[in-house]
All heavy atoms as atom14 arrays in JSON, in Angstrom:
{
  "sequence": "GTRGRAPYDAVMTHGFTVDENGEKMSKSKGNTLEPDTVIRESG",
  "atom14_mask": [
    [1, 1, 1, 1, 0, 0, 0, 0, 0, 0, 0, 0, 0, 0],
    [1, 1, 1, 1, 1, 1, 1, 0, 0, 0, 0, 0, 0, 0],
    [1, 1, 1, 1, 1, 1, 1, 1, 1, 1, 1, 0, 0, 0],
    [1, 1, 1, 1, 0, 0, 0, 0, 0, 0, 0, 0, 0, 0],
    [1, 1, 1, 1, 1, 1, 1, 1, 1, 1, 1, 0, 0, 0],
    [1, 1, 1, 1, 1, 0, 0, 0, 0, 0, 0, 0, 0, 0],
    [1, 1, 1, 1, 1, 1, 1, 0, 0, 0, 0, 0, 0, 0],
    [1, 1, 1, 1, 1, 1, 1, 1, 1, 1, 1, 1, 0, 0],
    [1, 1, 1, 1, 1, 1, 1, 1, 0, 0, 0, 0, 0, 0],
    [1, 1, 1, 1, 1, 0, 0, 0, 0, 0, 0, 0, 0, 0],
    [1, 1, 1, 1, 1, 1, 1, 0, 0, 0, 0, 0, 0, 0],
    [1, 1, 1, 1, 1, 1, 1, 1, 0, 0, 0, 0, 0, 0],
    [1, 1, 1, 1, 1, 1, 1, 0, 0, 0, 0, 0, 0, 0],
    [1, 1, 1, 1, 1, 1, 1, 1, 1, 1, 0, 0, 0, 0],
    [1, 1, 1, 1, 0, 0, 0, 0, 0, 0, 0, 0, 0, 0],
    [1, 1, 1, 1, 1, 1, 1, 1, 1, 1, 1, 0, 0, 0],
    [1, 1, 1, 1, 1, 1, 1, 0, 0, 0, 0, 0, 0, 0],
    [1, 1, 1, 1, 1, 1, 1, 0, 0, 0, 0, 0, 0, 0],
    [1, 1, 1, 1, 1, 1, 1, 1, 0, 0, 0, 0, 0, 0],
    [1, 1, 1, 1, 1, 1, 1, 1, 1, 0, 0, 0, 0, 0],
    [1, 1, 1, 1, 1, 1, 1, 1, 0, 0, 0, 0, 0, 0],
    [1, 1, 1, 1, 0, 0, 0, 0, 0, 0, 0, 0, 0, 0],
    [1, 1, 1, 1, 1, 1, 1, 1, 1, 0, 0, 0, 0, 0],
    [1, 1, 1, 1, 1, 1, 1, 1, 1, 0, 0, 0, 0, 0],
    [1, 1, 1, 1, 1, 1, 1, 1, 0, 0, 0, 0, 0, 0],
    [1, 1, 1, 1, 1, 1, 0, 0, 0, 0, 0, 0, 0, 0],
    [1, 1, 1, 1, 1, 1, 1, 1, 1, 0, 0, 0, 0, 0],
    [1, 1, 1, 1, 1, 1, 0, 0, 0, 0, 0, 0, 0, 0],
    [1, 1, 1, 1, 1, 1, 1, 1, 1, 0, 0, 0, 0, 0],
    [1, 1, 1, 1, 0, 0, 0, 0, 0, 0, 0, 0, 0, 0],
    [1, 1, 1, 1, 1, 1, 1, 1, 0, 0, 0, 0, 0, 0],
    [1, 1, 1, 1, 1, 1, 1, 0, 0, 0, 0, 0, 0, 0],
    [1, 1, 1, 1, 1, 1, 1, 1, 0, 0, 0, 0, 0, 0],
    [1, 1, 1, 1, 1, 1, 1, 1, 1, 0, 0, 0, 0, 0],
    [1, 1, 1, 1, 1, 1, 1, 0, 0, 0, 0, 0, 0, 0],
    [1, 1, 1, 1, 1, 1, 1, 1, 0, 0, 0, 0, 0, 0],
    [1, 1, 1, 1, 1, 1, 1, 0, 0, 0, 0, 0, 0, 0],
    [1, 1, 1, 1, 1, 1, 1, 0, 0, 0, 0, 0, 0, 0],
    [1, 1, 1, 1, 1, 1, 1, 1, 0, 0, 0, 0, 0, 0],
    [1, 1, 1, 1, 1, 1, 1, 1, 1, 1, 1, 0, 0, 0],
    [1, 1, 1, 1, 1, 1, 1, 1, 1, 0, 0, 0, 0, 0],
    [1, 1, 1, 1, 1, 1, 0, 0, 0, 0, 0, 0, 0, 0],
    [1, 1, 1, 1, 0, 0, 0, 0, 0, 0, 0, 0, 0, 0]
  ],
  "atom14_positions": [
    [[5.92, 15.79, 24.6], [6.97, 16.25, 25.5], [7.43, 17.66, 25.23], [7.84, 18.38, 26.16], [0.0, 0.0, 0.0], [0.0, 0.0, 0.0], [0.0, 0.0, 0.0], [0.0, 0.0, 0.0], [0.0, 0.0, 0.0], [0.0, 0.0, 0.0], [0.0, 0.0, 0.0], [0.0, 0.0, 0.0], [0.0, 0.0, 0.0], [0.0, 0.0, 0.0]],
    [[7.35, 18.12, 23.98], [7.84, 19.46, 23.64], [6.75, 20.48, 23.4], [6.97, 21.68, 23.54], [8.73, 19.39, 22.37], [7.95, 18.85, 21.29], [9.95, 18.51, 22.62], [0.0, 0.0, 0.0], [0.0, 0.0, 0.0], [0.0, 0.0, 0.0], [0.0, 0.0, 0.0], [0.0, 0.0, 0.0], [0.0, 0.0, 0.0], [0.0, 0.0, 0.0]],
    [[5.55, 20.02, 23.03], [4.46, 20.95, 22.72], [3.21, 20.7, 23.55], [2.26, 21.47, 23.47], [4.08, 20.88, 21.25], [5.03, 21.75, 20.38], [5.83, 21.08, 19.53], [6.58, 21.8, 18.56], [7.89, 21.65, 18.47], [8.55, 20.91, 19.34], [8.56, 22.25, 17.5], [0.0, 0.0, 0.0], [0.0, 0.0, 0.0], [0.0, 0.0, 0.0]],
    [[3.16, 19.63, 24.26], [2.02, 19.38, 25.14], [0.83, 18.72, 24.49], [-0.21, 18.56, 25.12], [0.0, 0.0, 0.0], [0.0, 0.0, 0.0], [0.0, 0.0, 0.0], [0.0, 0.0, 0.0], [0.0, 0.0, 0.0], [0.0, 0.0, 0.0], [0.0, 0.0, 0.0], [0.0, 0.0, 0.0], [0.0, 0.0, 0.0], [0.0, 0.0, 0.0]],
    [[0.96, 18.32, 23.23], [-0.14, 17.64, 22.54], [0.41, 16.9, 21.32], [1.57, 17.1, 20.92], [-1.24, 18.6, 22.11], [-0.84, 19.67, 21.11], [-2.02, 20.07, 20.22], [-2.38, 18.98, 19.31], [-3.5, 18.95, 18.61], [-4.37, 19.95, 18.74], [-3.76, 17.95, 17.78], [0.0, 0.0, 0.0], [0.0, 0.0, 0.0], [0.0, 0.0, 0.0]],
    [[-0.46, 16.04, 20.73], [-0.06, 15.3, 19.53], [0.12, 16.26, 18.35], [-0.53, 17.3, 18.29], [-1.12, 14.26, 19.19], [0.0, 0.0, 0.0], [0.0, 0.0, 0.0], [0.0, 0.0, 0.0], [0.0, 0.0, 0.0], [0.0, 0.0, 0.0], [0.0, 0.0, 0.0], [0.0, 0.0, 0.0], [0.0, 0.0, 0.0], [0.0, 0.0, 0.0]],
    [[1.0, 15.91, 17.41], [1.21, 16.78, 16.25], [0.17, 16.57, 15.16], [0.31, 17.07, 14.05], [2.6, 16.36, 15.75], [2.66, 14.91, 16.08], [1.91, 14.75, 17.38], [0.0, 0.0, 0.0], [0.0, 0.0, 0.0], [0.0, 0.0, 0.0], [0.0, 0.0, 0.0], [0.0, 0.0, 0.0], [0.0, 0.0, 0.0], [0.0, 0.0, 0.0]],
    [[-0.87, 15.78, 15.47], [-1.92, 15.48, 14.49], [-3.27, 15.48, 15.19], [-3.37, 15.27, 16.4], [-1.69, 14.12, 13.83], [-1.23, 13.03, 14.78], [-2.09, 12.49, 15.74], [0.07, 12.55, 14.73], [-1.66, 11.5, 16.61], [0.51, 11.56, 15.6], [-0.36, 11.04, 16.54], [0.06, 10.08, 17.41], [0.0, 0.0, 0.0], [0.0, 0.0, 0.0]],
    [[-4.31, 15.75, 14.41], [-5.67, 15.66, 14.93], [-6.23, 14.26, 14.8], [-7.13, 13.86, 15.54], [-6.59, 16.65, 14.2], [-6.32, 18.1, 14.59], [-5.81, 18.32, 15.71], [-6.6, 19.0, 13.78], [0.0, 0.0, 0.0], [0.0, 0.0, 0.0], [0.0, 0.0, 0.0], [0.0, 0.0, 0.0], [0.0, 0.0, 0.0], [0.0, 0.0, 0.0]],
    [[-5.72, 13.5, 13.83], [-6.2, 12.13, 13.62], [-5.1, 11.32, 12.98], [-4.19, 11.86, 12.33], [-7.44, 12.13, 12.73], [0.0, 0.0, 0.0], [0.0, 0.0, 0.0], [0.0, 0.0, 0.0], [0.0, 0.0, 0.0], [0.0, 0.0, 0.0], [0.0, 0.0, 0.0], [0.0, 0.0, 0.0], [0.0, 0.0, 0.0], [0.0, 0.0, 0.0]],
    [[-5.17, 10.0, 13.17], [-4.26, 9.09, 12.49], [-5.1, 8.09, 11.71], [-6.23, 7.78, 12.08], [-3.33, 8.34, 13.46], [-2.41, 9.3, 14.17], [-4.13, 7.51, 14.46], [0.0, 0.0, 0.0], [0.0, 0.0, 0.0], [0.0, 0.0, 0.0], [0.0, 0.0, 0.0], [0.0, 0.0, 0.0], [0.0, 0.0, 0.0], [0.0, 0.0, 0.0]],
    [[-4.54, 7.6, 10.61], [-5.24, 6.6, 9.8], [-4.23, 5.56, 9.36], [-3.15, 5.9, 8.86], [-5.91, 7.25, 8.59], [-6.76, 6.29, 7.78], [-7.82, 7.13, 6.58], [-6.64, 7.59, 5.33], [0.0, 0.0, 0.0], [0.0, 0.0, 0.0], [0.0, 0.0, 0.0], [0.0, 0.0, 0.0], [0.0, 0.0, 0.0], [0.0, 0.0, 0.0]],
    [[-4.56, 4.31, 9.57], [-3.67, 3.24, 9.15], [-4.3, 2.43, 8.03], [-5.52, 2.36, 7.91], [-3.36, 2.29, 10.33], [-4.59, 1.74, 10.8], [-2.69, 3.03, 11.46], [0.0, 0.0, 0.0], [0.0, 0.0, 0.0], [0.0, 0.0, 0.0], [0.0, 0.0, 0.0], [0.0, 0.0, 0.0], [0.0, 0.0, 0.0], [0.0, 0.0, 0.0]],
    [[-3.47, 1.84, 7.22], [-3.96, 1.02, 6.12], [-3.17, -0.28, 6.07], [-2.05, -0.38, 6.58], [-3.84, 1.75, 4.79], [-2.43, 2.14, 4.44], [-1.53, 1.26, 3.87], [-1.76, 3.32, 4.6], [-0.38, 1.88, 3.68], [-0.48, 3.12, 4.12], [0.0, 0.0, 0.0], [0.0, 0.0, 0.0], [0.0, 0.0, 0.0], [0.0, 0.0, 0.0]],
    [[-3.77, -1.29, 5.47], [-3.1, -2.56, 5.32], [-2.14, -2.54, 4.16], [-1.83, -1.49, 3.58], [0.0, 0.0, 0.0], [0.0, 0.0, 0.0], [0.0, 0.0, 0.0], [0.0, 0.0, 0.0], [0.0, 0.0, 0.0], [0.0, 0.0, 0.0], [0.0, 0.0, 0.0], [0.0, 0.0, 0.0], [0.0, 0.0, 0.0], [0.0, 0.0, 0.0]],
    [[-1.69, -3.72, 3.78], [-0.72, -3.84, 2.7], [-1.4, -4.44, 1.46], [-2.4, -5.14, 1.57], [0.46, -4.7, 3.14], [1.25, -4.05, 4.25], [0.94, -4.31, 5.58], [2.27, -3.16, 3.96], [1.63, -3.69, 6.6], [2.97, -2.54, 4.99], [2.65, -2.81, 6.31], [0.0, 0.0, 0.0], [0.0, 0.0, 0.0], [0.0, 0.0, 0.0]],
    [[-0.83, -4.15, 0.31], [-1.41, -4.61, -0.94], [-0.95, -6.03, -1.24], [0.25, -6.31, -1.25], [-1.03, -3.67, -2.1], [-1.45, -2.34, -1.77], [-1.72, -4.09, -3.38], [0.0, 0.0, 0.0], [0.0, 0.0, 0.0], [0.0, 0.0, 0.0], [0.0, 0.0, 0.0], [0.0, 0.0, 0.0], [0.0, 0.0, 0.0], [0.0, 0.0, 0.0]],
    [[-1.92, -6.91, -1.47], [-1.62, -8.32, -1.76], [-2.32, -8.71, -3.06], [-3.09, -7.93, -3.62], [-2.1, -9.22, -0.59], [-1.32, -8.93, 0.68], [-3.61, -9.04, -0.34], [0.0, 0.0, 0.0], [0.0, 0.0, 0.0], [0.0, 0.0, 0.0], [0.0, 0.0, 0.0], [0.0, 0.0, 0.0], [0.0, 0.0, 0.0], [0.0, 0.0, 0.0]],
    [[-2.06, -9.91, -3.52], [-2.68, -10.33, -4.78], [-4.12, -10.76, -4.56], [-4.64, -10.7, -3.44], [-1.85, -11.43, -5.47], [-1.94, -12.78, -4.75], [-2.73, -12.92, -3.79], [-1.21, -13.69, -5.15], [0.0, 0.0, 0.0], [0.0, 0.0, 0.0], [0.0, 0.0, 0.0], [0.0, 0.0, 0.0], [0.0, 0.0, 0.0], [0.0, 0.0, 0.0]],
    [[-4.77, -11.21, -5.62], [-6.2, -11.54, -5.53], [-6.5, -12.69, -4.58], [-7.62, -12.82, -4.09], [-6.74, -11.86, -6.93], [-6.86, -10.61, -7.8], [-7.46, -10.91, -9.16], [-7.01, -11.85, -9.83], [-8.39, -10.16, -9.56], [0.0, 0.0, 0.0], [0.0, 0.0, 0.0], [0.0, 0.0, 0.0], [0.0, 0.0, 0.0], [0.0, 0.0, 0.0]],
    [[-5.49, -13.52, -4.31], [-5.68, -14.64, -3.39], [-5.29, -14.3, -1.96], [-5.3, -15.18, -1.09], [-4.86, -15.85, -3.88], [-5.3, -16.33, -5.24], [-6.5, -16.42, -5.51], [-4.35, -16.63, -6.12], [0.0, 0.0, 0.0], [0.0, 0.0, 0.0], [0.0, 0.0, 0.0], [0.0, 0.0, 0.0], [0.0, 0.0, 0.0], [0.0, 0.0, 0.0]],
    [[-4.92, -13.04, -1.74], [-4.53, -12.62, -0.4], [-3.1, -12.92, -0.05], [-2.69, -12.8, 1.11], [0.0, 0.0, 0.0], [0.0, 0.0, 0.0], [0.0, 0.0, 0.0], [0.0, 0.0, 0.0], [0.0, 0.0, 0.0], [0.0, 0.0, 0.0], [0.0, 0.0, 0.0], [0.0, 0.0, 0.0], [0.0, 0.0, 0.0], [0.0, 0.0, 0.0]],
    [[-2.28, -13.32, -1.06], [-0.88, -13.65, -0.82], [0.01, -12.44, -1.08], [-0.26, -11.62, -1.95], [-0.46, -14.81, -1.72], [-1.19, -16.11, -1.43], [-0.69, -17.25, -2.3], [0.33, -17.05, -3.0], [-1.3, -18.33, -2.26], [0.0, 0.0, 0.0], [0.0, 0.0, 0.0], [0.0, 0.0, 0.0], [0.0, 0.0, 0.0], [0.0, 0.0, 0.0]],
    [[1.09, -12.37, -0.3], [2.05, -11.28, -0.46], [2.63, -11.31, -1.86], [2.95, -12.38, -2.4], [3.17, -11.44, 0.58], [4.2, -10.32, 0.53], [5.26, -10.53, 1.6], [6.32, -9.43, 1.54], [7.38, -9.64, 2.56], [0.0, 0.0, 0.0], [0.0, 0.0, 0.0], [0.0, 0.0, 0.0], [0.0, 0.0, 0.0], [0.0, 0.0, 0.0]],
    [[2.77, -10.12, -2.47], [3.31, -10.07, -3.82], [4.81, -10.35, -3.81], [5.54, -9.87, -2.96], [3.03, -8.7, -4.46], [1.57, -8.49, -4.79], [1.33, -7.01, -5.78], [-0.45, -7.03, -5.98], [0.0, 0.0, 0.0], [0.0, 0.0, 0.0], [0.0, 0.0, 0.0], [0.0, 0.0, 0.0], [0.0, 0.0, 0.0], [0.0, 0.0, 0.0]],
    [[5.23, -11.15, -4.78], [6.63, -11.53, -4.87], [6.98, -11.78, -6.33], [6.24, -12.44, -7.05], [6.89, -12.79, -4.05], [8.16, -13.33, -4.34], [0.0, 0.0, 0.0], [0.0, 0.0, 0.0], [0.0, 0.0, 0.0], [0.0, 0.0, 0.0], [0.0, 0.0, 0.0], [0.0, 0.0, 0.0], [0.0, 0.0, 0.0], [0.0, 0.0, 0.0]],
    [[8.12, -11.24, -6.77], [8.54, -11.46, -8.15], [8.79, -12.93, -8.43], [8.54, -13.43, -9.54], [9.78, -10.63, -8.45], [9.51, -9.14, -8.56], [10.74, -8.37, -8.99], [10.41, -6.88, -9.15], [11.61, -6.1, -9.56], [0.0, 0.0, 0.0], [0.0, 0.0, 0.0], [0.0, 0.0, 0.0], [0.0, 0.0, 0.0], [0.0, 0.0, 0.0]],
    [[9.28, -13.65, -7.39], [9.56, -15.07, -7.59], [8.27, -15.86, -7.81], [8.26, -16.87, -8.51], [10.31, -15.64, -6.38], [9.52, -15.51, -5.2], [0.0, 0.0, 0.0], [0.0, 0.0, 0.0], [0.0, 0.0, 0.0], [0.0, 0.0, 0.0], [0.0, 0.0, 0.0], [0.0, 0.0, 0.0], [0.0, 0.0, 0.0], [0.0, 0.0, 0.0]],
    [[7.16, -15.39, -7.2], [5.86, -16.04, -7.41], [5.21, -15.6, -8.72], [4.29, -16.25, -9.21], [4.91, -15.71, -6.25], [5.25, -16.37, -4.94], [4.2, -16.01, -3.9], [4.49, -16.65, -2.56], [3.46, -16.28, -1.55], [0.0, 0.0, 0.0], [0.0, 0.0, 0.0], [0.0, 0.0, 0.0], [0.0, 0.0, 0.0], [0.0, 0.0, 0.0]],
    [[5.66, -14.47, -9.22], [5.06, -13.94, -10.45], [3.68, -13.34, -10.24], [2.89, -13.26, -11.18], [0.0, 0.0, 0.0], [0.0, 0.0, 0.0], [0.0, 0.0, 0.0], [0.0, 0.0, 0.0], [0.0, 0.0, 0.0], [0.0, 0.0, 0.0], [0.0, 0.0, 0.0], [0.0, 0.0, 0.0], [0.0, 0.0, 0.0], [0.0, 0.0, 0.0]],
    [[3.39, -12.92, -9.01], [2.06, -12.37, -8.72], [2.08, -10.87, -8.46], [1.17, -10.34, -7.83], [1.44, -13.1, -7.52], [2.23, -12.86, -6.23], [3.37, -12.41, -6.27], [1.62, -13.16, -5.1], [0.0, 0.0, 0.0], [0.0, 0.0, 0.0], [0.0, 0.0, 0.0], [0.0, 0.0, 0.0], [0.0, 0.0, 0.0], [0.0, 0.0, 0.0]],
    [[3.11, -10.19, -8.94], [3.18, -8.75, -8.74], [2.35, -8.03, -9.79], [2.09, -8.55, -10.88], [4.64, -8.25, -8.83], [5.18, -8.61, -10.11], [5.49, -8.9, -7.73], [0.0, 0.0, 0.0], [0.0, 0.0, 0.0], [0.0, 0.0, 0.0], [0.0, 0.0, 0.0], [0.0, 0.0, 0.0], [0.0, 0.0, 0.0], [0.0, 0.0, 0.0]],
    [[1.93, -6.82, -9.45], [1.19, -5.96, -10.39], [1.72, -4.55, -10.22], [1.54, -3.93, -9.17], [-0.31, -6.01, -10.09], [-1.21, -5.27, -11.07], [-1.16, -5.94, -12.45], [-2.65, -5.25, -10.57], [0.0, 0.0, 0.0], [0.0, 0.0, 0.0], [0.0, 0.0, 0.0], [0.0, 0.0, 0.0], [0.0, 0.0, 0.0], [0.0, 0.0, 0.0]],
    [[2.39, -4.07, -11.23], [3.01, -2.75, -11.16], [1.98, -1.65, -11.43], [1.21, -1.75, -12.4], [4.15, -2.63, -12.17], [5.32, -3.55, -11.9], [6.01, -3.22, -10.59], [6.02, -2.04, -10.2], [6.54, -4.17, -9.96], [0.0, 0.0, 0.0], [0.0, 0.0, 0.0], [0.0, 0.0, 0.0], [0.0, 0.0, 0.0], [0.0, 0.0, 0.0]],
    [[1.96, -0.61, -10.6], [1.04, 0.51, -10.85], [1.19, 1.1, -12.25], [0.21, 1.47, -12.9], [1.41, 1.52, -9.77], [1.99, 0.69, -8.66], [2.7, -0.43, -9.35], [0.0, 0.0, 0.0], [0.0, 0.0, 0.0], [0.0, 0.0, 0.0], [0.0, 0.0, 0.0], [0.0, 0.0, 0.0], [0.0, 0.0, 0.0], [0.0, 0.0, 0.0]],
    [[2.45, 1.19, -12.73], [2.69, 1.76, -14.06], [1.97, 0.95, -15.14], [1.49, 1.5, -16.13], [4.18, 1.81, -14.36], [4.88, 2.93, -13.62], [4.16, 3.76, -13.02], [6.12, 2.98, -13.63], [0.0, 0.0, 0.0], [0.0, 0.0, 0.0], [0.0, 0.0, 0.0], [0.0, 0.0, 0.0], [0.0, 0.0, 0.0], [0.0, 0.0, 0.0]],
    [[1.92, -0.37, -14.92], [1.24, -1.22, -15.91], [-0.26, -0.94, -15.93], [-0.87, -0.84, -17.0], [1.49, -2.71, -15.57], [2.89, -2.96, -15.54], [0.82, -3.61, -16.6], [0.0, 0.0, 0.0], [0.0, 0.0, 0.0], [0.0, 0.0, 0.0], [0.0, 0.0, 0.0], [0.0, 0.0, 0.0], [0.0, 0.0, 0.0], [0.0, 0.0, 0.0]],
    [[-0.85, -0.8, -14.74], [-2.27, -0.49, -14.65], [-2.56, 0.85, -15.3], [-3.52, 1.01, -16.07], [-2.74, -0.49, -13.18], [-4.22, -0.12, -13.09], [-2.5, -1.85, -12.54], [0.0, 0.0, 0.0], [0.0, 0.0, 0.0], [0.0, 0.0, 0.0], [0.0, 0.0, 0.0], [0.0, 0.0, 0.0], [0.0, 0.0, 0.0], [0.0, 0.0, 0.0]],
    [[-1.73, 1.83, -15.0], [-1.93, 3.18, -15.54], [-1.8, 3.17, -17.06], [-2.59, 3.8, -17.77], [-0.92, 4.16, -14.91], [-1.23, 4.34, -13.42], [-0.94, 5.51, -15.63], [-0.18, 5.11, -12.66], [0.0, 0.0, 0.0], [0.0, 0.0, 0.0], [0.0, 0.0, 0.0], [0.0, 0.0, 0.0], [0.0, 0.0, 0.0], [0.0, 0.0, 0.0]],
    [[-0.81, 2.43, -17.54], [-0.6, 2.37, -19.0], [-1.75, 1.68, -19.71], [-2.18, 2.09, -20.78], [0.72, 1.64, -19.28], [1.16, 1.69, -20.74], [2.62, 1.24, -20.9], [2.86, -0.08, -20.34], [3.55, -0.3, -19.22], [4.06, 0.73, -18.54], [3.74, -1.53, -18.78], [0.0, 0.0, 0.0], [0.0, 0.0, 0.0], [0.0, 0.0, 0.0]],
    [[-2.32, 0.65, -19.08], [-3.37, -0.13, -19.74], [-4.76, 0.45, -19.52], [-5.61, 0.39, -20.42], [-3.35, -1.57, -19.2], [-2.1, -2.35, -19.61], [-2.09, -3.76, -19.02], [-2.99, -4.05, -18.19], [-1.2, -4.54, -19.38], [0.0, 0.0, 0.0], [0.0, 0.0, 0.0], [0.0, 0.0, 0.0], [0.0, 0.0, 0.0], [0.0, 0.0, 0.0]],
    [[-5.0, 1.02, -18.33], [-6.37, 1.45, -18.0], [-6.48, 2.91, -17.6], [-7.59, 3.44, -17.57], [-6.91, 0.58, -16.85], [-6.85, -0.78, -17.17], [0.0, 0.0, 0.0], [0.0, 0.0, 0.0], [0.0, 0.0, 0.0], [0.0, 0.0, 0.0], [0.0, 0.0, 0.0], [0.0, 0.0, 0.0], [0.0, 0.0, 0.0], [0.0, 0.0, 0.0]],
    [[-5.36, 3.54, -17.27], [-5.42, 4.93, -16.82], [-5.32, 5.03, -15.31], [-5.72, 4.12, -14.57], [0.0, 0.0, 0.0], [0.0, 0.0, 0.0], [0.0, 0.0, 0.0], [0.0, 0.0, 0.0], [0.0, 0.0, 0.0], [0.0, 0.0, 0.0], [0.0, 0.0, 0.0], [0.0, 0.0, 0.0], [0.0, 0.0, 0.0], [0.0, 0.0, 0.0]]
  ]
}
């Protein structure tokens, strides 16, 4: 509406991160995995 074209040349979408069984991560389920933990243990 203001410039006559999209403000991007391309868009990219991604899904969400889930556990190994495909279930949503939840602290109550105990299936979360913190990035900091991975970085600390493996880099």
